[in-house]
Amino acid sequence: MSGTERETRFVHAASDPRRQGGYVNPPVHRASTVLYESTAAMDASQADPLKRRMPVYGRFGTPTARAFEEAVAELEDGYAAVATCSGLSAITTAVLAYVRSGDHLLVTDSAYLPTRKFCDSLAALGVRTEYYDPRTDGAGIAALIRPETRLLLLESPGSTTFEVQDVPAITAVCRARGVVTVADNTWATPAFCRPLALGADVVVHSATKYLTGHADSILGVIVGTADTFPVVRAAAIRLGQCAGADELYLGVRGVRTLHVRMAWHQIQAMEMARWLGKQEGVAAVLHPALPEDPGHALWQRDFTGAAGPFGVELERGFTKADVDALLDRLRVFGLGHSYGGYESLIVPADPVSHRLPGTWHDRGPLLRVHVGFEGLDDLKEDLTNGLLALTGH
């Protein structure tokens, strides 16, 4: 499919104005109770375990939910999707759809910290989680798989440290051994990567970030294949997962401009990453689209673009007080979590506290930067002022 055809899909995916009275956007359905036309219709809906026929009940989906789910599934080249109340709930639902007591779970060591905390908590349910180095190739993953290994959860690039994984090699090994693979595609979005095409079984998103794109909603979504979607959908129903009507509408709205926003995030972030790499006090920039990045070859092979977040490693010797002074001097970059909105953000990261031993040995403090849509000159001036707190010049 050409780039032009994909751009058209973002604008029109799951859009049918004829079903919406001619309006180009779907209406917002705020609904719980739905009335059946007859007892036969009620019986038919009760006989459907996945509750996909309309109408049933608000928790199982509304036309607004269907519009968002169908759009994301189409863009990810998946079979179908299910919306959840947050990105973390998308991850937890996908995992709980598969793991049971006695199972072994493989998780990339570079995963989103709340994901890690959730997976650690599964020990109370008899599920053992093992973290693997995100640089592990297919052969390395094969050595970690046990008879009781049920699922592998990956995130590429990884949160804060941005390692790119060899997803086709890992998923091929897992599929041959009967292990389900779940890929977090929040960073790249379907604008820049489609993990199902790389062999993943399930894709999850924090739609809070790029899919909605305006820092004004909390939303998650899970996309599956014809084989995995029924499992995930059934788990979402059991867990009571659903998303609010307004968030779903904002998700649909965000998808329409996703490819345009991602293209501009890429331009802005690449310029800032290259510029930061030359600044005094900066030891390295962690961005897979940079040719010097260790994951660049894999990124070039599997991705068509790069998003706004990347890591900035400061030189060794700077203390927490030094980093705090840098951050407190910033006026354009916001000090705040999440990313994917129009605004530039920066937060300190601490791989030492929660990663495998030695992961960040003998390295400097780490920052995660998200580049938004402000003017580049203003962003550079802001960071220059912040870096002065470190260098003293």
Foldseek 3Di string as FASTA:
>chain_A
DDPVVLLVLLQPFLFDCVVQVNDRAHDQDFFFDDDDPDVVRQVVQVVDLLSPDPDHGVLSHDSLQQSLFRSQQVLLVADTKAKFAALVVQLVLLVVLKDAAPAEEEEELLADVVSVVVQVVCVVRRYHYDYDHQADFLVRLLVVDDLRHAEYEYEALGPQQRAGHQLLSNLVSCVVSNHAYEYECAFARSLWFRSVVSRHFKYKYRCCAALLAANPGGMIMMGGHPVSVVSSSSSCVVVSTDHHSVRSSSSSVRSNCRNVQFVVLQVLQVVVQVVLQPDPFWDHKRFLCDPVHPRVVVSVVGTDTGGFKTKTFGAPDDDPVLLVQLQVQADQADDDDDYRYQGKHKYWDDSCVRGDPPPQPPTGTMMMIGDHNDDSVSVVVRNVRSCCSVVVD
